[in-house]
Amino acid sequence: MTDNESSQDLPTIVASVMVAIPPLVFRTGWAYLRMKKRAQKVSIQLERQFVSGGIPSEYAEKLAEQFETELSLRTLVKGVGRFFSPRHP
């Protein structure tokens, strides 16, 4: 492939990427929000279980908060990247 041919393919490649990116960003954002909401619910349940198990409420609250904040967008994107990597079966 010559430089001229590759430069002619560039607009097609850019257009393809521009079409593919918005749905990917939307799906990633939506999945992240759902996961954060689930983590919030589980955090509340976890705190209740800790308190009922005998852990002081201030410690239980801190532990549950740490659990909830452990989920980050960075880890979500890393996980999606691993899923779409060529090494994934």
N, C-alpha and C. Protein backbone atom coordinates (compact mmCIF):
# COMPACT_ATOMS: atom_id res chain seq x y z
N MET A 1 0.85 -1.17 0.00
CA MET A 1 0.00 0.00 0.00
C MET A 1 0.90 1.24 0.00
N THR A 2 0.60 2.15 -0.87
CA THR A 2 1.39 3.37 -0.97
C THR A 2 0.85 4.42 -0.02
N ASP A 3 1.61 5.50 0.12
CA ASP A 3 1.17 6.59 0.98
C ASP A 3 -0.10 7.22 0.44
N ASN A 4 -0.26 7.29 -0.85
CA ASN A 4 -1.44 7.89 -1.45
C ASN A 4 -2.68 7.05 -1.14
N GLU A 5 -2.56 5.73 -1.22
CA GLU A 5 -3.70 4.87 -0.92
C GLU A 5 -4.09 4.96 0.55
N SER A 6 -3.09 4.99 1.44
CA SER A 6 -3.39 5.06 2.86
C SER A 6 -4.00 6.41 3.23
N SER A 7 -3.60 7.48 2.55
CA SER A 7 -4.20 8.78 2.84
C SER A 7 -5.63 8.85 2.33
N GLN A 8 -5.97 8.08 1.31
CA GLN A 8 -7.35 8.05 0.81
C GLN A 8 -8.24 7.25 1.76
N ASP A 9 -7.68 6.28 2.48
CA ASP A 9 -8.45 5.49 3.43
C ASP A 9 -8.68 6.22 4.74
N LEU A 10 -7.88 7.23 5.02
CA LEU A 10 -7.96 7.94 6.29
C LEU A 10 -9.35 8.52 6.56
N PRO A 11 -10.01 9.22 5.63
CA PRO A 11 -11.35 9.73 5.94
C PRO A 11 -12.34 8.62 6.27
N THR A 12 -12.22 7.48 5.63
CA THR A 12 -13.10 6.36 5.92
C THR A 12 -12.86 5.83 7.33
N ILE A 13 -11.60 5.74 7.70
CA ILE A 13 -11.24 5.25 9.04
C ILE A 13 -11.74 6.23 10.10
N VAL A 14 -11.52 7.51 9.87
CA VAL A 14 -11.96 8.53 10.84
C VAL A 14 -13.48 8.52 10.96
N ALA A 15 -14.18 8.39 9.86
CA ALA A 15 -15.65 8.34 9.90
C ALA A 15 -16.13 7.11 10.66
N SER A 16 -15.48 5.98 10.46
CA SER A 16 -15.86 4.77 11.17
C SER A 16 -15.67 4.91 12.68
N VAL A 17 -14.56 5.51 13.05
CA VAL A 17 -14.29 5.72 14.47
C VAL A 17 -15.30 6.70 15.07
N MET A 18 -15.62 7.75 14.35
CA MET A 18 -16.57 8.75 14.85
C MET A 18 -17.96 8.15 15.02
N VAL A 19 -18.31 7.18 14.22
CA VAL A 19 -19.61 6.52 14.35
C VAL A 19 -19.60 5.54 15.51
N ALA A 20 -18.48 4.88 15.75
CA ALA A 20 -18.41 3.84 16.77
C ALA A 20 -18.24 4.38 18.19
N ILE A 21 -17.62 5.52 18.36
CA ILE A 21 -17.29 6.02 19.69
C ILE A 21 -18.51 6.43 20.52
N PRO A 22 -19.46 7.21 20.03
CA PRO A 22 -20.57 7.64 20.90
C PRO A 22 -21.36 6.48 21.53
N PRO A 23 -21.74 5.44 20.78
CA PRO A 23 -22.44 4.34 21.45
C PRO A 23 -21.58 3.65 22.51
N LEU A 24 -20.30 3.54 22.25
CA LEU A 24 -19.40 2.91 23.21
C LEU A 24 -19.33 3.73 24.50
N VAL A 25 -19.23 5.03 24.36
CA VAL A 25 -19.18 5.91 25.53
C VAL A 25 -20.50 5.84 26.30
N PHE A 26 -21.61 5.83 25.59
CA PHE A 26 -22.93 5.75 26.23
C PHE A 26 -23.08 4.43 27.00
N ARG A 27 -22.73 3.32 26.35
CA ARG A 27 -22.87 2.02 27.01
C ARG A 27 -21.96 1.91 28.23
N THR A 28 -20.75 2.42 28.10
CA THR A 28 -19.82 2.38 29.22
C THR A 28 -20.33 3.24 30.38
N GLY A 29 -20.81 4.41 30.07
CA GLY A 29 -21.35 5.29 31.11
C GLY A 29 -22.57 4.69 31.78
N TRP A 30 -23.44 4.09 31.01
CA TRP A 30 -24.66 3.49 31.55
C TRP A 30 -24.30 2.30 32.45
N ALA A 31 -23.38 1.47 32.01
CA ALA A 31 -22.94 0.33 32.81
C ALA A 31 -22.30 0.81 34.11
N TYR A 32 -21.52 1.86 34.03
CA TYR A 32 -20.88 2.41 35.22
C TYR A 32 -21.91 2.91 36.22
N LEU A 33 -22.91 3.62 35.75
CA LEU A 33 -23.94 4.13 36.65
C LEU A 33 -24.72 3.00 37.31
N ARG A 34 -25.02 1.96 36.56
CA ARG A 34 -25.73 0.80 37.13
C ARG A 34 -24.87 0.12 38.18
N MET A 35 -23.60 -0.03 37.89
CA MET A 35 -22.70 -0.68 38.85
C MET A 35 -22.54 0.16 40.12
N LYS A 36 -22.46 1.47 39.97
CA LYS A 36 -22.35 2.34 41.13
C LYS A 36 -23.60 2.25 42.01
N LYS A 37 -24.77 2.18 41.37
CA LYS A 37 -26.03 2.07 42.11
C LYS A 37 -26.08 0.74 42.86
N ARG A 38 -25.66 -0.34 42.22
CA ARG A 38 -25.63 -1.64 42.88
C ARG A 38 -24.64 -1.64 44.04
N ALA A 39 -23.48 -1.03 43.83
CA ALA A 39 -22.49 -0.96 44.90
C ALA A 39 -23.02 -0.17 46.09
N GLN A 40 -23.79 0.86 45.81
CA GLN A 40 -24.38 1.66 46.87
C GLN A 40 -25.37 0.82 47.69
N LYS A 41 -26.19 0.04 47.01
CA LYS A 41 -27.16 -0.82 47.71
C LYS A 41 -26.45 -1.89 48.54
N VAL A 42 -25.45 -2.51 47.94
CA VAL A 42 -24.71 -3.55 48.66
C VAL A 42 -23.96 -2.95 49.84
N SER A 43 -23.46 -1.74 49.70
CA SER A 43 -22.76 -1.07 50.78
C SER A 43 -23.68 -0.88 51.99
N ILE A 44 -24.92 -0.51 51.73
CA ILE A 44 -25.89 -0.34 52.82
C ILE A 44 -26.16 -1.67 53.51
N GLN A 45 -26.34 -2.73 52.71
CA GLN A 45 -26.57 -4.05 53.29
C GLN A 45 -25.35 -4.52 54.08
N LEU A 46 -24.19 -4.26 53.55
CA LEU A 46 -22.94 -4.66 54.20
C LEU A 46 -22.80 -3.97 55.55
N GLU A 47 -23.09 -2.69 55.59
CA GLU A 47 -23.00 -1.95 56.85
C GLU A 47 -23.97 -2.53 57.88
N ARG A 48 -25.18 -2.84 57.47
CA ARG A 48 -26.16 -3.43 58.39
C ARG A 48 -25.67 -4.77 58.93
N GLN A 49 -25.08 -5.59 58.05
CA GLN A 49 -24.57 -6.89 58.48
C GLN A 49 -23.40 -6.74 59.45
N PHE A 50 -22.54 -5.77 59.18
CA PHE A 50 -21.43 -5.53 60.10
C PHE A 50 -21.93 -5.14 61.48
N VAL A 51 -22.88 -4.23 61.51
CA VAL A 51 -23.41 -3.76 62.80
C VAL A 51 -24.11 -4.91 63.52
N SER A 52 -24.89 -5.70 62.79
CA SER A 52 -25.58 -6.82 63.44
C SER A 52 -24.59 -7.90 63.87
N GLY A 53 -23.42 -7.94 63.25
CA GLY A 53 -22.38 -8.89 63.64
C GLY A 53 -21.53 -8.42 64.81
N GLY A 54 -21.76 -7.21 65.27
CA GLY A 54 -21.07 -6.74 66.45
C GLY A 54 -19.97 -5.71 66.21
N ILE A 55 -19.77 -5.29 64.97
CA ILE A 55 -18.78 -4.26 64.69
C ILE A 55 -19.38 -2.90 65.02
N PRO A 56 -18.64 -2.03 65.70
CA PRO A 56 -19.16 -0.70 66.01
C PRO A 56 -19.61 0.04 64.74
N SER A 57 -20.67 0.81 64.85
CA SER A 57 -21.29 1.43 63.68
C SER A 57 -20.35 2.36 62.92
N GLU A 58 -19.46 3.09 63.63
CA GLU A 58 -18.57 4.00 62.91
C GLU A 58 -17.56 3.21 62.05
N TYR A 59 -17.10 2.05 62.55
CA TYR A 59 -16.20 1.21 61.75
C TYR A 59 -16.94 0.56 60.58
N ALA A 60 -18.14 0.11 60.88
CA ALA A 60 -18.95 -0.52 59.83
C ALA A 60 -19.24 0.48 58.71
N GLU A 61 -19.50 1.71 59.08
CA GLU A 61 -19.77 2.75 58.08
C GLU A 61 -18.54 3.01 57.22
N LYS A 62 -17.38 3.07 57.85
CA LYS A 62 -16.14 3.31 57.09
C LYS A 62 -15.83 2.15 56.15
N LEU A 63 -15.99 0.93 56.62
CA LEU A 63 -15.74 -0.24 55.77
C LEU A 63 -16.69 -0.28 54.58
N ALA A 64 -17.96 -0.02 54.84
CA ALA A 64 -18.95 -0.03 53.76
C ALA A 64 -18.67 1.09 52.76
N GLU A 65 -18.24 2.22 53.25
CA GLU A 65 -17.90 3.34 52.36
C GLU A 65 -16.69 3.01 51.48
N GLN A 66 -15.71 2.35 52.07
CA GLN A 66 -14.55 1.93 51.28
C GLN A 66 -14.95 0.94 50.19
N PHE A 67 -15.85 0.04 50.54
CA PHE A 67 -16.34 -0.93 49.55
C PHE A 67 -17.01 -0.20 48.39
N GLU A 68 -17.84 0.76 48.70
CA GLU A 68 -18.59 1.49 47.68
C GLU A 68 -17.67 2.32 46.79
N THR A 69 -16.65 2.92 47.36
CA THR A 69 -15.77 3.78 46.57
C THR A 69 -14.71 2.99 45.80
N GLU A 70 -14.62 1.69 46.05
CA GLU A 70 -13.62 0.87 45.36
C GLU A 70 -13.91 0.77 43.86
N LEU A 71 -15.16 0.88 43.49
CA LEU A 71 -15.54 0.82 42.08
C LEU A 71 -15.24 2.16 41.44
N SER A 72 -14.39 2.15 40.42
CA SER A 72 -14.06 3.39 39.73
C SER A 72 -14.21 3.20 38.23
N LEU A 73 -14.33 4.30 37.53
CA LEU A 73 -14.46 4.25 36.08
C LEU A 73 -13.18 3.69 35.45
N ARG A 74 -12.05 3.94 36.05
CA ARG A 74 -10.79 3.42 35.52
C ARG A 74 -10.78 1.90 35.51
N THR A 75 -11.22 1.28 36.61
CA THR A 75 -11.25 -0.18 36.65
C THR A 75 -12.28 -0.75 35.68
N LEU A 76 -13.37 -0.04 35.49
CA LEU A 76 -14.38 -0.48 34.53
C LEU A 76 -13.82 -0.46 33.11
N VAL A 77 -13.13 0.59 32.75
CA VAL A 77 -12.56 0.69 31.40
C VAL A 77 -11.48 -0.36 31.21
N LYS A 78 -10.67 -0.62 32.23
CA LYS A 78 -9.67 -1.67 32.14
C LYS A 78 -10.33 -3.02 31.90
N GLY A 79 -11.42 -3.27 32.59
CA GLY A 79 -12.13 -4.54 32.43
C GLY A 79 -12.71 -4.70 31.04
N VAL A 80 -13.26 -3.63 30.49
CA VAL A 80 -13.80 -3.68 29.13
C VAL A 80 -12.65 -3.89 28.14
N GLY A 81 -11.53 -3.25 28.39
CA GLY A 81 -10.37 -3.43 27.50
C GLY A 81 -9.88 -4.86 27.49
N ARG A 82 -9.88 -5.50 28.67
CA ARG A 82 -9.46 -6.90 28.73
C ARG A 82 -10.45 -7.80 28.01
N PHE A 83 -11.73 -7.47 28.08
CA PHE A 83 -12.75 -8.28 27.43
C PHE A 83 -12.60 -8.27 25.92
N PHE A 84 -12.25 -7.13 25.36
CA PHE A 84 -12.12 -7.00 23.91
C PHE A 84 -10.72 -7.24 23.40
N SER A 85 -9.81 -7.64 24.26
CA SER A 85 -8.44 -7.88 23.81
C SER A 85 -8.38 -9.16 22.99
N PRO A 86 -7.42 -9.27 22.09
CA PRO A 86 -7.32 -10.47 21.24
C PRO A 86 -7.04 -11.75 22.04
N ARG A 87 -6.49 -11.61 23.24
CA ARG A 87 -6.19 -12.79 24.04
C ARG A 87 -7.42 -13.42 24.65
N HIS A 88 -8.53 -12.69 24.69
CA HIS A 88 -9.76 -13.20 25.31
C HIS A 88 -10.33 -14.30 24.41
N PRO A 89 -10.68 -15.46 24.98
CA PRO A 89 -11.20 -16.56 24.16
C PRO A 89 -12.55 -16.29 23.58
